[in-house]
Amino acid sequence: DRGLPTEDIINGFHAQVVTMMVMLMGGIDAEKIMIEAGAKVRPMPSIA
């Protein structure tokens, strides 16, 4: 509807989610969750 590039939208969502995670649980716990999530998604290929 607005024509924003998908990558830009995802980058904005990511920044907001990371900021909220840090504010709610602190940097150490947020980092741990993100590292664990990264390990799970690292081997996944994109559809493209």
All heavy atoms as atom14 arrays in JSON, in Angstrom:
{
  "sequence": "DRGLPTEDIINGFHAQVVTMMVMLMGGIDAEKIMIEAGAKVRPMPSIA",
  "atom14_mask": [
    [1, 1, 1, 1, 1, 1, 1, 1, 0, 0, 0, 0, 0, 0],
    [1, 1, 1, 1, 1, 1, 1, 1, 1, 1, 1, 0, 0, 0],
    [1, 1, 1, 1, 0, 0, 0, 0, 0, 0, 0, 0, 0, 0],
    [1, 1, 1, 1, 1, 1, 1, 1, 0, 0, 0, 0, 0, 0],
    [1, 1, 1, 1, 1, 1, 1, 0, 0, 0, 0, 0, 0, 0],
    [1, 1, 1, 1, 1, 1, 1, 0, 0, 0, 0, 0, 0, 0],
    [1, 1, 1, 1, 1, 1, 1, 1, 1, 0, 0, 0, 0, 0],
    [1, 1, 1, 1, 1, 1, 1, 1, 0, 0, 0, 0, 0, 0],
    [1, 1, 1, 1, 1, 1, 1, 1, 0, 0, 0, 0, 0, 0],
    [1, 1, 1, 1, 1, 1, 1, 1, 0, 0, 0, 0, 0, 0],
    [1, 1, 1, 1, 1, 1, 1, 1, 0, 0, 0, 0, 0, 0],
    [1, 1, 1, 1, 0, 0, 0, 0, 0, 0, 0, 0, 0, 0],
    [1, 1, 1, 1, 1, 1, 1, 1, 1, 1, 1, 0, 0, 0],
    [1, 1, 1, 1, 1, 1, 1, 1, 1, 1, 0, 0, 0, 0],
    [1, 1, 1, 1, 1, 0, 0, 0, 0, 0, 0, 0, 0, 0],
    [1, 1, 1, 1, 1, 1, 1, 1, 1, 0, 0, 0, 0, 0],
    [1, 1, 1, 1, 1, 1, 1, 0, 0, 0, 0, 0, 0, 0],
    [1, 1, 1, 1, 1, 1, 1, 0, 0, 0, 0, 0, 0, 0],
    [1, 1, 1, 1, 1, 1, 1, 0, 0, 0, 0, 0, 0, 0],
    [1, 1, 1, 1, 1, 1, 1, 1, 0, 0, 0, 0, 0, 0],
    [1, 1, 1, 1, 1, 1, 1, 1, 0, 0, 0, 0, 0, 0],
    [1, 1, 1, 1, 1, 1, 1, 0, 0, 0, 0, 0, 0, 0],
    [1, 1, 1, 1, 1, 1, 1, 1, 0, 0, 0, 0, 0, 0],
    [1, 1, 1, 1, 1, 1, 1, 1, 0, 0, 0, 0, 0, 0],
    [1, 1, 1, 1, 1, 1, 1, 1, 0, 0, 0, 0, 0, 0],
    [1, 1, 1, 1, 0, 0, 0, 0, 0, 0, 0, 0, 0, 0],
    [1, 1, 1, 1, 0, 0, 0, 0, 0, 0, 0, 0, 0, 0],
    [1, 1, 1, 1, 1, 1, 1, 1, 0, 0, 0, 0, 0, 0],
    [1, 1, 1, 1, 1, 1, 1, 1, 0, 0, 0, 0, 0, 0],
    [1, 1, 1, 1, 1, 0, 0, 0, 0, 0, 0, 0, 0, 0],
    [1, 1, 1, 1, 1, 1, 1, 1, 1, 0, 0, 0, 0, 0],
    [1, 1, 1, 1, 1, 1, 1, 1, 1, 0, 0, 0, 0, 0],
    [1, 1, 1, 1, 1, 1, 1, 1, 0, 0, 0, 0, 0, 0],
    [1, 1, 1, 1, 1, 1, 1, 1, 0, 0, 0, 0, 0, 0],
    [1, 1, 1, 1, 1, 1, 1, 1, 0, 0, 0, 0, 0, 0],
    [1, 1, 1, 1, 1, 1, 1, 1, 1, 0, 0, 0, 0, 0],
    [1, 1, 1, 1, 1, 0, 0, 0, 0, 0, 0, 0, 0, 0],
    [1, 1, 1, 1, 0, 0, 0, 0, 0, 0, 0, 0, 0, 0],
    [1, 1, 1, 1, 1, 0, 0, 0, 0, 0, 0, 0, 0, 0],
    [1, 1, 1, 1, 1, 1, 1, 1, 1, 0, 0, 0, 0, 0],
    [1, 1, 1, 1, 1, 1, 1, 0, 0, 0, 0, 0, 0, 0],
    [1, 1, 1, 1, 1, 1, 1, 1, 1, 1, 1, 0, 0, 0],
    [1, 1, 1, 1, 1, 1, 1, 0, 0, 0, 0, 0, 0, 0],
    [1, 1, 1, 1, 1, 1, 1, 1, 0, 0, 0, 0, 0, 0],
    [1, 1, 1, 1, 1, 1, 1, 0, 0, 0, 0, 0, 0, 0],
    [1, 1, 1, 1, 1, 1, 0, 0, 0, 0, 0, 0, 0, 0],
    [1, 1, 1, 1, 1, 1, 1, 1, 0, 0, 0, 0, 0, 0],
    [1, 1, 1, 1, 1, 0, 0, 0, 0, 0, 0, 0, 0, 0]
  ],
  "atom14_positions": [
    [[0.82, -1.21, 0.0], [0.0, 0.0, 0.0], [0.85, 1.27, 0.0], [0.48, 2.26, -0.61], [-0.94, 0.03, 1.21], [-1.99, -1.06, 1.18], [-2.12, -1.75, 0.14], [-2.68, -1.24, 2.2], [0.0, 0.0, 0.0], [0.0, 0.0, 0.0], [0.0, 0.0, 0.0], [0.0, 0.0, 0.0], [0.0, 0.0, 0.0], [0.0, 0.0, 0.0]],
    [[1.99, 1.21, 0.69], [2.85, 2.39, 0.8], [4.06, 2.33, -0.12], [4.75, 3.32, -0.31], [3.32, 2.57, 2.24], [2.21, 2.7, 3.25], [1.91, 4.15, 3.56], [0.88, 4.28, 4.56], [1.1, 4.48, 5.85], [2.32, 4.57, 6.31], [0.08, 4.59, 6.68], [0.0, 0.0, 0.0], [0.0, 0.0, 0.0], [0.0, 0.0, 0.0]],
    [[4.39, 1.14, -0.61], [5.5, 0.99, -1.55], [6.88, 0.96, -0.92], [7.88, 1.1, -1.63], [0.0, 0.0, 0.0], [0.0, 0.0, 0.0], [0.0, 0.0, 0.0], [0.0, 0.0, 0.0], [0.0, 0.0, 0.0], [0.0, 0.0, 0.0], [0.0, 0.0, 0.0], [0.0, 0.0, 0.0], [0.0, 0.0, 0.0], [0.0, 0.0, 0.0]],
    [[6.98, 0.77, 0.4], [8.29, 0.7, 1.04], [8.97, -0.61, 0.67], [8.32, -1.66, 0.57], [8.16, 0.78, 2.56], [8.07, 2.17, 3.19], [6.79, 2.86, 2.82], [8.2, 2.06, 4.69], [0.0, 0.0, 0.0], [0.0, 0.0, 0.0], [0.0, 0.0, 0.0], [0.0, 0.0, 0.0], [0.0, 0.0, 0.0], [0.0, 0.0, 0.0]],
    [[10.29, -0.58, 0.48], [11.02, -1.81, 0.18], [10.98, -2.78, 1.38], [11.11, -2.36, 2.53], [12.46, -1.35, -0.07], [12.34, 0.11, -0.38], [11.15, 0.6, 0.41], [0.0, 0.0, 0.0], [0.0, 0.0, 0.0], [0.0, 0.0, 0.0], [0.0, 0.0, 0.0], [0.0, 0.0, 0.0], [0.0, 0.0, 0.0], [0.0, 0.0, 0.0]],
    [[10.77, -4.05, 1.08], [10.67, -5.07, 2.13], [11.87, -5.04, 3.06], [11.71, -5.11, 4.29], [10.54, -6.47, 1.49], [9.38, -6.47, 0.65], [10.4, -7.55, 2.54], [0.0, 0.0, 0.0], [0.0, 0.0, 0.0], [0.0, 0.0, 0.0], [0.0, 0.0, 0.0], [0.0, 0.0, 0.0], [0.0, 0.0, 0.0], [0.0, 0.0, 0.0]],
    [[13.07, -4.93, 2.51], [14.28, -4.94, 3.35], [14.28, -3.77, 4.33], [14.67, -3.93, 5.49], [15.53, -4.9, 2.47], [16.81, -5.07, 3.25], [18.02, -5.2, 2.35], [17.88, -5.35, 1.13], [19.14, -5.17, 2.89], [0.0, 0.0, 0.0], [0.0, 0.0, 0.0], [0.0, 0.0, 0.0], [0.0, 0.0, 0.0], [0.0, 0.0, 0.0]],
    [[13.84, -2.59, 3.89], [13.79, -1.43, 4.78], [12.78, -1.64, 5.9], [13.03, -1.27, 7.05], [13.43, -0.17, 4.0], [14.49, 0.22, 2.98], [15.59, -0.37, 2.99], [14.21, 1.13, 2.18], [0.0, 0.0, 0.0], [0.0, 0.0, 0.0], [0.0, 0.0, 0.0], [0.0, 0.0, 0.0], [0.0, 0.0, 0.0], [0.0, 0.0, 0.0]],
    [[11.64, -2.23, 5.58], [10.62, -2.51, 6.59], [11.16, -3.48, 7.63], [11.05, -3.25, 8.83], [9.35, -3.09, 5.94], [8.74, -2.1, 4.94], [8.32, -3.47, 7.02], [7.71, -2.73, 4.01], [0.0, 0.0, 0.0], [0.0, 0.0, 0.0], [0.0, 0.0, 0.0], [0.0, 0.0, 0.0], [0.0, 0.0, 0.0], [0.0, 0.0, 0.0]],
    [[11.77, -4.55, 7.17], [12.32, -5.55, 8.09], [13.41, -4.95, 8.96], [13.48, -5.22, 10.16], [12.81, -6.79, 7.31], [11.61, -7.52, 6.71], [13.63, -7.72, 8.21], [11.96, -8.63, 5.76], [0.0, 0.0, 0.0], [0.0, 0.0, 0.0], [0.0, 0.0, 0.0], [0.0, 0.0, 0.0], [0.0, 0.0, 0.0], [0.0, 0.0, 0.0]],
    [[14.25, -4.11, 8.38], [15.31, -3.45, 9.17], [14.69, -2.59, 10.27], [15.17, -2.59, 11.41], [16.2, -2.6, 8.28], [17.13, -3.44, 7.43], [17.4, -4.59, 7.73], [17.61, -2.86, 6.34], [0.0, 0.0, 0.0], [0.0, 0.0, 0.0], [0.0, 0.0, 0.0], [0.0, 0.0, 0.0], [0.0, 0.0, 0.0], [0.0, 0.0, 0.0]],
    [[13.62, -1.87, 9.95], [12.95, -1.06, 10.96], [12.3, -1.91, 12.04], [12.41, -1.61, 13.24], [0.0, 0.0, 0.0], [0.0, 0.0, 0.0], [0.0, 0.0, 0.0], [0.0, 0.0, 0.0], [0.0, 0.0, 0.0], [0.0, 0.0, 0.0], [0.0, 0.0, 0.0], [0.0, 0.0, 0.0], [0.0, 0.0, 0.0], [0.0, 0.0, 0.0]],
    [[11.63, -2.97, 11.63], [11.02, -3.89, 12.62], [12.1, -4.47, 13.53], [11.92, -4.54, 14.75], [10.3, -5.04, 11.91], [8.98, -4.7, 11.29], [8.29, -5.69, 10.61], [8.4, -3.45, 11.38], [7.05, -5.43, 10.02], [7.17, -3.18, 10.79], [6.49, -4.18, 10.12], [0.0, 0.0, 0.0], [0.0, 0.0, 0.0], [0.0, 0.0, 0.0]],
    [[13.2, -4.9, 12.93], [14.28, -5.51, 13.71], [14.82, -4.54, 14.74], [14.99, -4.89, 15.92], [15.39, -5.99, 12.77], [16.51, -6.66, 13.48], [17.66, -5.99, 13.84], [16.66, -7.93, 13.92], [18.46, -6.82, 14.47], [17.88, -8.0, 14.53], [0.0, 0.0, 0.0], [0.0, 0.0, 0.0], [0.0, 0.0, 0.0], [0.0, 0.0, 0.0]],
    [[15.08, -3.32, 14.32], [15.61, -2.32, 15.25], [14.65, -2.08, 16.41], [15.07, -1.97, 17.58], [15.9, -1.01, 14.51], [0.0, 0.0, 0.0], [0.0, 0.0, 0.0], [0.0, 0.0, 0.0], [0.0, 0.0, 0.0], [0.0, 0.0, 0.0], [0.0, 0.0, 0.0], [0.0, 0.0, 0.0], [0.0, 0.0, 0.0], [0.0, 0.0, 0.0]],
    [[13.37, -2.01, 16.11], [12.38, -1.77, 17.15], [12.29, -2.96, 18.11], [12.24, -2.78, 19.33], [11.01, -1.49, 16.53], [9.94, -1.16, 17.54], [10.22, 0.11, 18.31], [10.91, 1.01, 17.84], [9.7, 0.2, 19.53], [0.0, 0.0, 0.0], [0.0, 0.0, 0.0], [0.0, 0.0, 0.0], [0.0, 0.0, 0.0], [0.0, 0.0, 0.0]],
    [[12.27, -4.18, 17.58], [12.18, -5.37, 18.43], [13.42, -5.49, 19.32], [13.31, -5.76, 20.52], [11.97, -6.64, 17.58], [12.16, -7.9, 18.42], [10.58, -6.63, 16.94], [0.0, 0.0, 0.0], [0.0, 0.0, 0.0], [0.0, 0.0, 0.0], [0.0, 0.0, 0.0], [0.0, 0.0, 0.0], [0.0, 0.0, 0.0], [0.0, 0.0, 0.0]],
    [[14.6, -5.28, 18.75], [15.82, -5.36, 19.56], [15.8, -4.31, 20.67], [16.12, -4.61, 21.83], [17.07, -5.21, 18.66], [18.32, -5.02, 19.51], [17.22, -6.42, 17.75], [0.0, 0.0, 0.0], [0.0, 0.0, 0.0], [0.0, 0.0, 0.0], [0.0, 0.0, 0.0], [0.0, 0.0, 0.0], [0.0, 0.0, 0.0], [0.0, 0.0, 0.0]],
    [[15.4, -3.1, 20.34], [15.33, -2.03, 21.35], [14.37, -2.41, 22.47], [14.68, -2.26, 23.66], [14.89, -0.71, 20.69], [15.87, -0.34, 19.72], [14.74, 0.41, 21.72], [0.0, 0.0, 0.0], [0.0, 0.0, 0.0], [0.0, 0.0, 0.0], [0.0, 0.0, 0.0], [0.0, 0.0, 0.0], [0.0, 0.0, 0.0], [0.0, 0.0, 0.0]],
    [[13.21, -2.93, 22.1], [12.22, -3.32, 23.11], [12.72, -4.48, 23.97], [12.5, -4.5, 25.19], [10.9, -3.67, 22.44], [10.23, -2.45, 21.81], [8.8, -2.86, 20.81], [7.64, -3.34, 22.08], [0.0, 0.0, 0.0], [0.0, 0.0, 0.0], [0.0, 0.0, 0.0], [0.0, 0.0, 0.0], [0.0, 0.0, 0.0], [0.0, 0.0, 0.0]],
    [[13.41, -5.43, 23.36], [13.97, -6.55, 24.12], [14.97, -6.05, 25.15], [14.95, -6.47, 26.31], [14.63, -7.57, 23.19], [13.65, -8.37, 22.36], [14.48, -9.45, 21.15], [15.3, -10.62, 22.24], [0.0, 0.0, 0.0], [0.0, 0.0, 0.0], [0.0, 0.0, 0.0], [0.0, 0.0, 0.0], [0.0, 0.0, 0.0], [0.0, 0.0, 0.0]],
    [[15.86, -5.15, 24.73], [16.87, -4.62, 25.64], [16.21, -3.84, 26.77], [16.58, -3.98, 27.94], [17.88, -3.74, 24.88], [18.8, -3.0, 25.83], [18.71, -4.6, 23.92], [0.0, 0.0, 0.0], [0.0, 0.0, 0.0], [0.0, 0.0, 0.0], [0.0, 0.0, 0.0], [0.0, 0.0, 0.0], [0.0, 0.0, 0.0], [0.0, 0.0, 0.0]],
    [[15.2, -3.05, 26.44], [14.52, -2.26, 27.47], [13.8, -3.16, 28.48], [13.77, -2.86, 29.67], [13.51, -1.3, 26.82], [14.19, -0.16, 26.07], [13.03, 0.87, 25.14], [11.94, 1.43, 26.42], [0.0, 0.0, 0.0], [0.0, 0.0, 0.0], [0.0, 0.0, 0.0], [0.0, 0.0, 0.0], [0.0, 0.0, 0.0], [0.0, 0.0, 0.0]],
    [[13.2, -4.25, 28.01], [12.42, -5.12, 28.89], [13.26, -6.09, 29.7], [12.94, -6.38, 30.85], [11.38, -5.9, 28.07], [10.25, -5.06, 27.51], [9.41, -5.89, 26.53], [9.37, -4.53, 28.63], [0.0, 0.0, 0.0], [0.0, 0.0, 0.0], [0.0, 0.0, 0.0], [0.0, 0.0, 0.0], [0.0, 0.0, 0.0], [0.0, 0.0, 0.0]],
    [[14.32, -6.64, 29.1], [15.05, -7.7, 29.79], [16.52, -7.4, 30.01], [17.21, -8.18, 30.65], [14.89, -9.02, 29.04], [15.43, -9.04, 27.65], [15.02, -10.52, 26.69], [13.27, -10.36, 26.49], [0.0, 0.0, 0.0], [0.0, 0.0, 0.0], [0.0, 0.0, 0.0], [0.0, 0.0, 0.0], [0.0, 0.0, 0.0], [0.0, 0.0, 0.0]],
    [[17.0, -6.3, 29.46], [18.42, -5.96, 29.6], [19.25, -6.55, 28.48], [18.84, -7.52, 27.82], [0.0, 0.0, 0.0], [0.0, 0.0, 0.0], [0.0, 0.0, 0.0], [0.0, 0.0, 0.0], [0.0, 0.0, 0.0], [0.0, 0.0, 0.0], [0.0, 0.0, 0.0], [0.0, 0.0, 0.0], [0.0, 0.0, 0.0], [0.0, 0.0, 0.0]],
    [[20.38, -5.95, 28.27], [21.25, -6.34, 27.16], [21.77, -7.76, 27.21], [21.83, -8.44, 26.19], [0.0, 0.0, 0.0], [0.0, 0.0, 0.0], [0.0, 0.0, 0.0], [0.0, 0.0, 0.0], [0.0, 0.0, 0.0], [0.0, 0.0, 0.0], [0.0, 0.0, 0.0], [0.0, 0.0, 0.0], [0.0, 0.0, 0.0], [0.0, 0.0, 0.0]],
    [[22.14, -8.22, 28.38], [22.72, -9.57, 28.49], [21.71, -10.64, 28.09], [22.01, -11.52, 27.28], [23.26, -9.82, 29.92], [24.46, -8.91, 30.17], [23.62, -11.28, 30.12], [24.95, -8.9, 31.6], [0.0, 0.0, 0.0], [0.0, 0.0, 0.0], [0.0, 0.0, 0.0], [0.0, 0.0, 0.0], [0.0, 0.0, 0.0], [0.0, 0.0, 0.0]],
    [[20.5, -10.56, 28.63], [19.49, -11.56, 28.3], [19.03, -11.43, 26.84], [18.8, -12.43, 26.16], [18.29, -11.47, 29.24], [18.62, -11.97, 30.65], [19.6, -12.73, 30.8], [17.9, -11.58, 31.59], [0.0, 0.0, 0.0], [0.0, 0.0, 0.0], [0.0, 0.0, 0.0], [0.0, 0.0, 0.0], [0.0, 0.0, 0.0], [0.0, 0.0, 0.0]],
    [[18.89, -10.19, 26.36], [18.49, -9.98, 24.97], [19.54, -10.56, 24.03], [19.2, -11.22, 23.04], [18.27, -8.5, 24.69], [0.0, 0.0, 0.0], [0.0, 0.0, 0.0], [0.0, 0.0, 0.0], [0.0, 0.0, 0.0], [0.0, 0.0, 0.0], [0.0, 0.0, 0.0], [0.0, 0.0, 0.0], [0.0, 0.0, 0.0], [0.0, 0.0, 0.0]],
    [[20.8, -10.33, 24.34], [21.88, -10.87, 23.51], [21.83, -12.4, 23.49], [21.95, -13.01, 22.42], [23.24, -10.42, 24.03], [24.4, -11.02, 23.24], [25.73, -10.78, 23.89], [25.82, -10.75, 25.14], [26.72, -10.64, 23.14], [0.0, 0.0, 0.0], [0.0, 0.0, 0.0], [0.0, 0.0, 0.0], [0.0, 0.0, 0.0], [0.0, 0.0, 0.0]],
    [[21.63, -13.01, 24.63], [21.57, -14.48, 24.7], [20.46, -15.01, 23.81], [20.66, -15.95, 23.04], [21.34, -14.92, 26.14], [21.27, -16.41, 26.31], [21.02, -16.79, 27.76], [20.9, -18.3, 27.85], [20.06, -18.74, 28.94], [0.0, 0.0, 0.0], [0.0, 0.0, 0.0], [0.0, 0.0, 0.0], [0.0, 0.0, 0.0], [0.0, 0.0, 0.0]],
    [[19.27, -14.41, 23.88], [18.14, -14.86, 23.07], [18.45, -14.68, 21.58], [18.15, -15.55, 20.77], [16.87, -14.09, 23.47], [16.42, -14.56, 24.87], [15.76, -14.28, 22.45], [15.37, -13.67, 25.49], [0.0, 0.0, 0.0], [0.0, 0.0, 0.0], [0.0, 0.0, 0.0], [0.0, 0.0, 0.0], [0.0, 0.0, 0.0], [0.0, 0.0, 0.0]],
    [[19.05, -13.54, 21.23], [19.35, -13.28, 19.81], [20.43, -14.23, 19.28], [20.34, -14.68, 18.13], [19.74, -11.82, 19.61], [18.54, -10.89, 19.74], [18.93, -9.18, 19.44], [19.39, -8.64, 21.08], [0.0, 0.0, 0.0], [0.0, 0.0, 0.0], [0.0, 0.0, 0.0], [0.0, 0.0, 0.0], [0.0, 0.0, 0.0], [0.0, 0.0, 0.0]],
    [[21.42, -14.54, 20.09], [22.45, -15.49, 19.66], [21.84, -16.87, 19.44], [22.13, -17.54, 18.44], [23.61, -15.53, 20.67], [24.42, -14.24, 20.57], [24.5, -16.76, 20.45], [25.46, -14.06, 21.66], [0.0, 0.0, 0.0], [0.0, 0.0, 0.0], [0.0, 0.0, 0.0], [0.0, 0.0, 0.0], [0.0, 0.0, 0.0], [0.0, 0.0, 0.0]],
    [[20.97, -17.3, 20.36], [20.31, -18.59, 20.2], [19.42, -18.61, 18.95], [19.4, -19.59, 18.21], [19.48, -18.92, 21.45], [20.34, -19.23, 22.66], [19.56, -19.33, 23.96], [18.33, -19.14, 23.95], [20.19, -19.59, 25.0], [0.0, 0.0, 0.0], [0.0, 0.0, 0.0], [0.0, 0.0, 0.0], [0.0, 0.0, 0.0], [0.0, 0.0, 0.0]],
    [[18.71, -17.52, 18.72], [17.86, -17.43, 17.53], [18.72, -17.45, 16.26], [18.38, -18.1, 15.27], [17.01, -16.17, 17.58], [0.0, 0.0, 0.0], [0.0, 0.0, 0.0], [0.0, 0.0, 0.0], [0.0, 0.0, 0.0], [0.0, 0.0, 0.0], [0.0, 0.0, 0.0], [0.0, 0.0, 0.0], [0.0, 0.0, 0.0], [0.0, 0.0, 0.0]],
    [[19.84, -16.74, 16.3], [20.75, -16.71, 15.15], [21.26, -18.1, 14.8], [21.35, -18.46, 13.61], [0.0, 0.0, 0.0], [0.0, 0.0, 0.0], [0.0, 0.0, 0.0], [0.0, 0.0, 0.0], [0.0, 0.0, 0.0], [0.0, 0.0, 0.0], [0.0, 0.0, 0.0], [0.0, 0.0, 0.0], [0.0, 0.0, 0.0], [0.0, 0.0, 0.0]],
    [[21.59, -18.89, 15.81], [22.07, -20.24, 15.56], [20.99, -21.1, 14.89], [21.3, -21.96, 14.06], [22.52, -20.88, 16.87], [0.0, 0.0, 0.0], [0.0, 0.0, 0.0], [0.0, 0.0, 0.0], [0.0, 0.0, 0.0], [0.0, 0.0, 0.0], [0.0, 0.0, 0.0], [0.0, 0.0, 0.0], [0.0, 0.0, 0.0], [0.0, 0.0, 0.0]],
    [[19.73, -20.86, 15.24], [18.64, -21.63, 14.65], [18.38, -21.24, 13.19], [18.04, -22.09, 12.37], [17.35, -21.44, 15.46], [17.41, -22.09, 16.83], [16.15, -21.8, 17.61], [16.24, -22.39, 19.01], [15.06, -22.04, 19.82], [0.0, 0.0, 0.0], [0.0, 0.0, 0.0], [0.0, 0.0, 0.0], [0.0, 0.0, 0.0], [0.0, 0.0, 0.0]],
    [[18.5, -19.96, 12.87], [18.17, -19.52, 11.51], [19.36, -19.53, 10.55], [19.16, -19.52, 9.34], [17.51, -18.12, 11.49], [16.24, -18.12, 12.32], [18.46, -17.04, 11.95], [0.0, 0.0, 0.0], [0.0, 0.0, 0.0], [0.0, 0.0, 0.0], [0.0, 0.0, 0.0], [0.0, 0.0, 0.0], [0.0, 0.0, 0.0], [0.0, 0.0, 0.0]],
    [[20.56, -19.56, 11.08], [21.76, -19.5, 10.23], [21.74, -20.52, 9.08], [22.03, -20.17, 7.93], [23.02, -19.67, 11.07], [24.31, -19.49, 10.26], [25.53, -19.44, 11.17], [25.54, -18.19, 11.91], [25.38, -18.08, 13.22], [25.2, -19.15, 13.96], [25.39, -16.91, 13.81], [0.0, 0.0, 0.0], [0.0, 0.0, 0.0], [0.0, 0.0, 0.0]],
    [[21.38, -21.78, 9.32], [21.42, -22.75, 8.22], [20.23, -22.67, 7.26], [20.21, -23.38, 6.25], [21.44, -24.1, 8.93], [20.77, -23.86, 10.24], [21.12, -22.43, 10.61], [0.0, 0.0, 0.0], [0.0, 0.0, 0.0], [0.0, 0.0, 0.0], [0.0, 0.0, 0.0], [0.0, 0.0, 0.0], [0.0, 0.0, 0.0], [0.0, 0.0, 0.0]],
    [[19.25, -21.82, 7.52], [18.05, -21.77, 6.68], [18.31, -20.93, 5.43], [18.71, -19.77, 5.53], [16.89, -21.15, 7.46], [16.43, -21.94, 8.63], [15.1, -21.02, 9.45], [14.72, -22.13, 10.78], [0.0, 0.0, 0.0], [0.0, 0.0, 0.0], [0.0, 0.0, 0.0], [0.0, 0.0, 0.0], [0.0, 0.0, 0.0], [0.0, 0.0, 0.0]],
    [[18.04, -21.49, 4.26], [18.19, -20.69, 3.03], [16.97, -19.81, 2.81], [15.89, -20.09, 3.33], [18.28, -21.76, 1.94], [17.45, -22.88, 2.48], [17.66, -22.87, 3.98], [0.0, 0.0, 0.0], [0.0, 0.0, 0.0], [0.0, 0.0, 0.0], [0.0, 0.0, 0.0], [0.0, 0.0, 0.0], [0.0, 0.0, 0.0], [0.0, 0.0, 0.0]],
    [[17.15, -18.76, 2.05], [16.0, -17.94, 1.67], [15.25, -18.64, 0.54], [15.81, -19.5, -0.15], [16.46, -16.56, 1.2], [17.17, -16.67, -0.02], [0.0, 0.0, 0.0], [0.0, 0.0, 0.0], [0.0, 0.0, 0.0], [0.0, 0.0, 0.0], [0.0, 0.0, 0.0], [0.0, 0.0, 0.0], [0.0, 0.0, 0.0], [0.0, 0.0, 0.0]],
    [[14.0, -18.25, 0.34], [13.25, -18.79, -0.79], [13.95, -18.42, -2.1], [14.04, -19.22, -3.01], [11.8, -18.27, -0.77], [11.06, -18.89, 0.42], [11.08, -18.58, -2.08], [9.67, -18.33, 0.63], [0.0, 0.0, 0.0], [0.0, 0.0, 0.0], [0.0, 0.0, 0.0], [0.0, 0.0, 0.0], [0.0, 0.0, 0.0], [0.0, 0.0, 0.0]],
    [[14.45, -17.18, -2.16], [15.15, -16.73, -3.37], [16.36, -17.63, -3.66], [16.59, -18.02, -4.81], [15.6, -15.28, -3.21], [0.0, 0.0, 0.0], [0.0, 0.0, 0.0], [0.0, 0.0, 0.0], [0.0, 0.0, 0.0], [0.0, 0.0, 0.0], [0.0, 0.0, 0.0], [0.0, 0.0, 0.0], [0.0, 0.0, 0.0], [0.0, 0.0, 0.0]]
  ]
}
